[in-house]
Amino acid sequence: MILIPCVMAGLSDGDVRFVGKQKDLIDIKEPCFYNNTYCSSDTQCNITVYTPNHETVVDNAIMSYNVAYFNYTLNRTNTTNIGIYEFTVACVSNDENGFETSYFKITPSGSQDIKEGEGISLAISMLVMLLIFGFLFAMSFRVNNNFAKYFLLILSILMLLMIILYSVVIVQQTLGSFVSILQGFTTFFYVLKVMFYISIIAFLLFSFLIVLRYYKFKRGMLD
C-alpha cells in the first residue's frame, strides 16, 4: 500500500495545508512512502486540482519524482481565483496504489487572514499613533519658539502620513492584498525608530542653537 501523508503533521483532510499568492507559481510537494521507505522512481503520481468554484485547472497531470517527494508546479493562470483549492494526488507502483486529498488557500497577498489577537494589536497601535499625532499637533500651537513650533508641526504631519499609510496596510491586509501582517508591524516600528532618531538629532540641534544664541547674547553679539 502506497502511503501519501500530509506534509505537516496533525493536518487531516479538509484542513488548509498552506497559503499561496494569487497569480503566482505554487509548488505542491507530496511525500510518498512504500513499504516503510520512500517510493522508487518506478512510482507514478498524478495530481488533479480544483478551484474554489469546483472547476478543474489540472486534470490528472503527472508529477515530478524527487526521491523523497513528488511535486507539481501550478502556473500563474492556475491560481487566479481567490479561495480554497482542493487537490488529489494518486500514486501507483507495482500494482499498489494510494491517494490523498488536501487543500490550500489562495489570497491576493499569500498571507493568512487577520486573527482576533492581531486585530486588537492593530487597533492599539493605531490608537497610540493617533494620540502621538494629537499631542504633537496640539503642542505645535502652544510653544512660542518658531523653531520648536515648526519642528513639532513637521513631526505631527509625518505621524499623520504614517497613520494614513498604516491604515492602507490594514485595509489591504484585511482584503488579502498585502504580503504579510508582520511586515506591517515591522514597517510601523521601523518608521517609529527612524522618527525617534530624527527627533533626537533635531532636539540636539535645537538645543545647540539655543545655547549658541544665549552665548552670543551674553557676549553682547545680540541685542
Protein backbone atom coordinates (compact mmCIF):
# COMPACT_ATOMS: atom_id res chain seq x y z
CA MET A 1 0.00 0.00 0.00
CA ILE A 2 1.39 3.37 -1.01
CA LEU A 3 1.08 5.99 1.72
CA ILE A 4 0.86 9.68 0.82
CA PRO A 5 0.80 11.61 4.11
CA CYS A 6 0.27 15.32 4.56
CA VAL A 7 3.49 17.30 4.69
CA MET A 8 2.59 18.86 8.03
CA ALA A 9 1.85 16.51 10.88
CA GLY A 10 -1.51 16.83 12.56
CA LEU A 11 -3.40 18.00 9.48
CA SER A 12 -6.26 15.90 8.20
CA ASP A 13 -8.34 16.00 5.02
CA GLY A 14 -10.30 19.22 4.86
CA ASP A 15 -7.59 21.30 6.55
CA VAL A 16 -5.82 24.01 4.61
CA ARG A 17 -2.23 22.86 4.23
CA PHE A 18 -0.69 26.13 3.07
CA VAL A 19 -1.49 29.58 1.71
CA GLY A 20 -0.33 30.82 -1.69
CA LYS A 21 -0.36 34.13 -3.51
CA GLN A 22 -2.82 34.87 -6.28
CA LYS A 23 -1.42 34.64 -9.82
CA ASP A 24 1.86 33.25 -8.50
CA LEU A 25 3.68 29.97 -9.05
CA ILE A 26 2.62 27.37 -6.47
CA ASP A 27 4.84 24.34 -5.96
CA ILE A 28 2.90 21.41 -4.46
CA LYS A 29 5.06 18.77 -2.78
CA GLU A 30 3.71 15.40 -1.73
CA PRO A 31 5.82 12.79 0.15
CA CYS A 32 5.35 9.19 -0.94
CA PHE A 33 6.18 6.02 1.03
CA TYR A 34 6.11 2.36 0.00
CA ASN A 35 6.96 -0.49 2.42
CA ASN A 36 8.27 1.94 5.06
CA THR A 37 10.62 3.69 2.65
CA TYR A 38 10.40 6.37 0.01
CA CYS A 39 8.71 5.45 -3.23
CA SER A 40 11.02 4.46 -6.06
CA SER A 41 11.31 6.15 -9.42
CA ASP A 42 9.04 3.42 -10.82
CA THR A 43 6.16 5.02 -8.94
CA GLN A 44 3.93 7.36 -10.86
CA CYS A 45 1.92 10.06 -9.12
CA ASN A 46 -0.77 12.15 -10.76
CA ILE A 47 -2.42 15.27 -9.43
CA THR A 48 -5.83 16.84 -10.01
CA VAL A 49 -6.56 20.36 -8.78
CA TYR A 50 -9.96 22.04 -8.36
CA THR A 51 -10.61 25.76 -7.92
CA PRO A 52 -12.93 27.20 -5.24
CA ASN A 53 -15.60 27.20 -7.97
CA HIS A 54 -15.07 23.43 -8.41
CA GLU A 55 -13.52 23.91 -11.84
CA THR A 56 -10.69 21.58 -12.82
CA VAL A 57 -7.49 23.52 -13.51
CA VAL A 58 -5.19 20.47 -13.50
CA ASP A 59 -6.57 17.15 -14.68
CA ASN A 60 -4.61 14.04 -13.71
CA ALA A 61 -1.24 15.61 -14.54
CA ILE A 62 1.96 13.61 -13.94
CA MET A 63 4.05 14.83 -11.01
CA SER A 64 7.85 15.02 -10.97
CA TYR A 65 9.82 12.46 -8.95
CA ASN A 66 12.29 13.84 -6.37
CA VAL A 67 13.28 10.79 -4.24
CA ALA A 68 11.61 11.99 -1.01
CA TYR A 69 8.56 13.52 -2.64
CA PHE A 70 6.68 14.22 -5.85
CA ASN A 71 5.99 17.78 -6.90
CA TYR A 72 3.91 19.72 -9.39
CA THR A 73 4.09 23.47 -10.03
CA LEU A 74 0.92 25.39 -10.75
CA ASN A 75 1.44 28.26 -13.17
CA ARG A 76 0.07 31.76 -12.71
CA THR A 77 -3.06 31.07 -14.75
CA ASN A 78 -3.96 28.20 -12.39
CA THR A 79 -4.16 30.45 -9.32
CA THR A 80 -6.28 33.37 -10.49
CA ASN A 81 -9.25 32.57 -8.23
CA ILE A 82 -9.21 33.52 -4.55
CA GLY A 83 -10.32 30.88 -2.06
CA ILE A 84 -9.69 27.29 -1.04
CA TYR A 85 -8.45 24.85 -3.68
CA GLU A 86 -8.75 21.08 -3.46
CA PHE A 87 -6.11 18.76 -4.90
CA THR A 88 -5.89 14.98 -5.03
CA VAL A 89 -2.66 13.06 -5.54
CA ALA A 90 -2.92 9.42 -6.67
CA CYS A 91 0.13 7.16 -6.94
CA VAL A 92 0.63 3.70 -8.44
CA SER A 93 3.61 1.35 -8.06
CA ASN A 94 3.88 -2.43 -8.55
CA ASP A 95 0.11 -2.88 -8.59
CA GLU A 96 -0.15 -0.92 -5.33
CA ASN A 97 -1.90 2.41 -5.18
CA GLY A 98 -2.82 5.18 -2.82
CA PHE A 99 -4.24 8.68 -2.85
CA GLU A 100 -4.53 11.78 -0.67
CA THR A 101 -6.88 14.76 -0.87
CA SER A 102 -5.69 18.04 0.61
CA TYR A 103 -6.46 21.74 0.43
CA PHE A 104 -4.62 25.03 0.05
CA LYS A 105 -5.79 28.61 0.07
CA ILE A 106 -5.05 31.38 -2.43
CA THR A 107 -5.15 35.03 -1.35
CA PRO A 108 -4.01 38.17 -3.19
CA SER A 109 -1.14 38.58 -0.73
CA GLY A 110 -0.31 34.97 0.06
CA SER A 111 -0.91 35.63 3.77
CA GLN A 112 -3.33 34.27 6.31
CA ASP A 113 -6.40 36.21 7.41
CA ILE A 114 -6.02 38.63 10.31
CA LYS A 115 -6.79 36.84 13.56
CA GLU A 116 -8.63 38.31 16.53
CA GLY A 117 -5.47 38.92 18.57
CA GLU A 118 -3.75 40.60 15.64
CA GLY A 119 -6.78 42.84 15.13
CA ILE A 120 -6.58 44.00 18.75
CA SER A 121 -2.86 44.74 18.37
CA LEU A 122 -3.56 46.74 15.22
CA ALA A 123 -6.27 48.75 16.98
CA ILE A 124 -3.97 49.54 19.92
CA SER A 125 -1.15 50.54 17.57
CA MET A 126 -3.47 52.86 15.64
CA LEU A 127 -4.73 54.42 18.89
CA VAL A 128 -1.17 55.08 20.09
CA MET A 129 -0.30 56.71 16.76
CA LEU A 130 -3.41 58.92 16.92
CA LEU A 131 -2.54 60.01 20.47
CA ILE A 132 1.02 60.86 19.44
CA PHE A 133 -0.27 62.82 16.44
CA GLY A 134 -2.77 64.74 18.61
CA PHE A 135 -0.11 65.57 21.21
CA LEU A 136 2.46 66.79 18.67
CA PHE A 137 -0.13 68.80 16.73
CA ALA A 138 -1.51 70.47 19.88
CA MET A 139 1.96 71.29 21.21
CA SER A 140 2.93 72.92 17.91
CA PHE A 141 0.36 75.66 18.64
CA ARG A 142 1.27 76.09 22.30
CA VAL A 143 5.01 76.76 22.05
CA ASN A 144 6.23 80.27 21.38
CA ASN A 145 9.54 79.45 19.75
CA ASN A 146 9.16 79.36 15.97
CA PHE A 147 11.76 76.63 15.50
CA ALA A 148 10.07 74.36 18.05
CA LYS A 149 6.66 75.19 16.58
CA TYR A 150 7.66 74.14 13.03
CA PHE A 151 9.58 71.14 14.32
CA LEU A 152 6.55 69.78 16.20
CA LEU A 153 4.28 70.59 13.28
CA ILE A 154 6.51 68.67 10.88
CA LEU A 155 6.60 65.70 13.26
CA SER A 156 2.81 65.74 13.53
CA ILE A 157 2.50 65.79 9.74
CA LEU A 158 4.89 62.84 9.47
CA MET A 159 2.85 60.97 12.08
CA LEU A 160 -0.33 61.74 10.14
CA LEU A 161 1.25 60.31 6.99
CA MET A 162 2.22 57.21 8.98
CA ILE A 163 -1.36 56.82 10.16
CA ILE A 164 -2.67 57.07 6.60
CA LEU A 165 -0.14 54.58 5.25
CA TYR A 166 -0.71 52.24 8.18
CA SER A 167 -4.47 52.40 7.58
CA VAL A 168 -3.88 51.46 3.94
CA VAL A 169 -1.80 48.48 5.09
CA ILE A 170 -4.56 47.33 7.43
CA VAL A 171 -7.25 47.66 4.76
CA GLN A 172 -5.13 45.87 2.19
CA GLN A 173 -4.31 43.08 4.60
CA THR A 174 -7.94 42.71 5.62
CA LEU A 175 -8.86 42.37 1.97
CA GLY A 176 -5.97 39.98 1.45
CA SER A 177 -3.80 42.16 -0.74
CA PHE A 178 -0.71 42.72 1.34
CA VAL A 179 2.29 40.48 1.73
CA SER A 180 2.05 39.83 5.46
CA ILE A 181 0.65 41.47 8.53
CA LEU A 182 4.04 41.03 10.15
CA GLN A 183 5.54 43.27 7.51
CA GLY A 184 3.04 45.91 8.51
CA PHE A 185 4.22 45.71 12.12
CA THR A 186 7.87 45.67 11.05
CA THR A 187 7.42 48.75 8.88
CA PHE A 188 5.50 50.51 11.63
CA PHE A 189 8.17 50.02 14.29
CA TYR A 190 10.99 50.70 11.84
CA VAL A 191 9.48 54.07 10.90
CA LEU A 192 8.92 54.86 14.57
CA LYS A 193 12.57 54.10 15.27
CA VAL A 194 13.71 56.33 12.42
CA MET A 195 11.45 59.13 13.63
CA PHE A 196 12.83 58.72 17.14
CA TYR A 197 16.40 59.11 15.92
CA ILE A 198 15.44 62.10 13.79
CA SER A 199 13.74 63.64 16.81
CA ILE A 200 16.86 63.20 18.93
CA ILE A 201 19.05 64.79 16.26
CA ALA A 202 16.59 67.66 15.83
CA PHE A 203 16.40 68.17 19.59
CA LEU A 204 20.18 68.27 19.91
CA LEU A 205 20.38 70.74 17.02
CA PHE A 206 17.66 72.86 18.60
CA SER A 207 19.49 72.79 21.96
CA PHE A 208 22.75 73.76 20.27
CA LEU A 209 21.08 76.75 18.59
CA ILE A 210 19.57 77.86 21.91
CA VAL A 211 22.94 77.60 23.66
CA LEU A 212 24.66 79.42 20.79
CA ARG A 213 22.09 82.19 20.89
CA TYR A 214 22.46 82.51 24.65
CA TYR A 215 26.27 82.61 24.31
CA LYS A 216 26.09 85.40 21.72
CA PHE A 217 23.62 87.28 23.87
CA LYS A 218 25.96 87.09 26.88
CA ARG A 219 28.87 88.27 24.71
CA GLY A 220 26.86 91.26 23.54
CA MET A 221 26.74 89.98 20.00
CA LEU A 222 22.94 90.03 20.10
CA ASP A 223 20.60 92.69 21.39
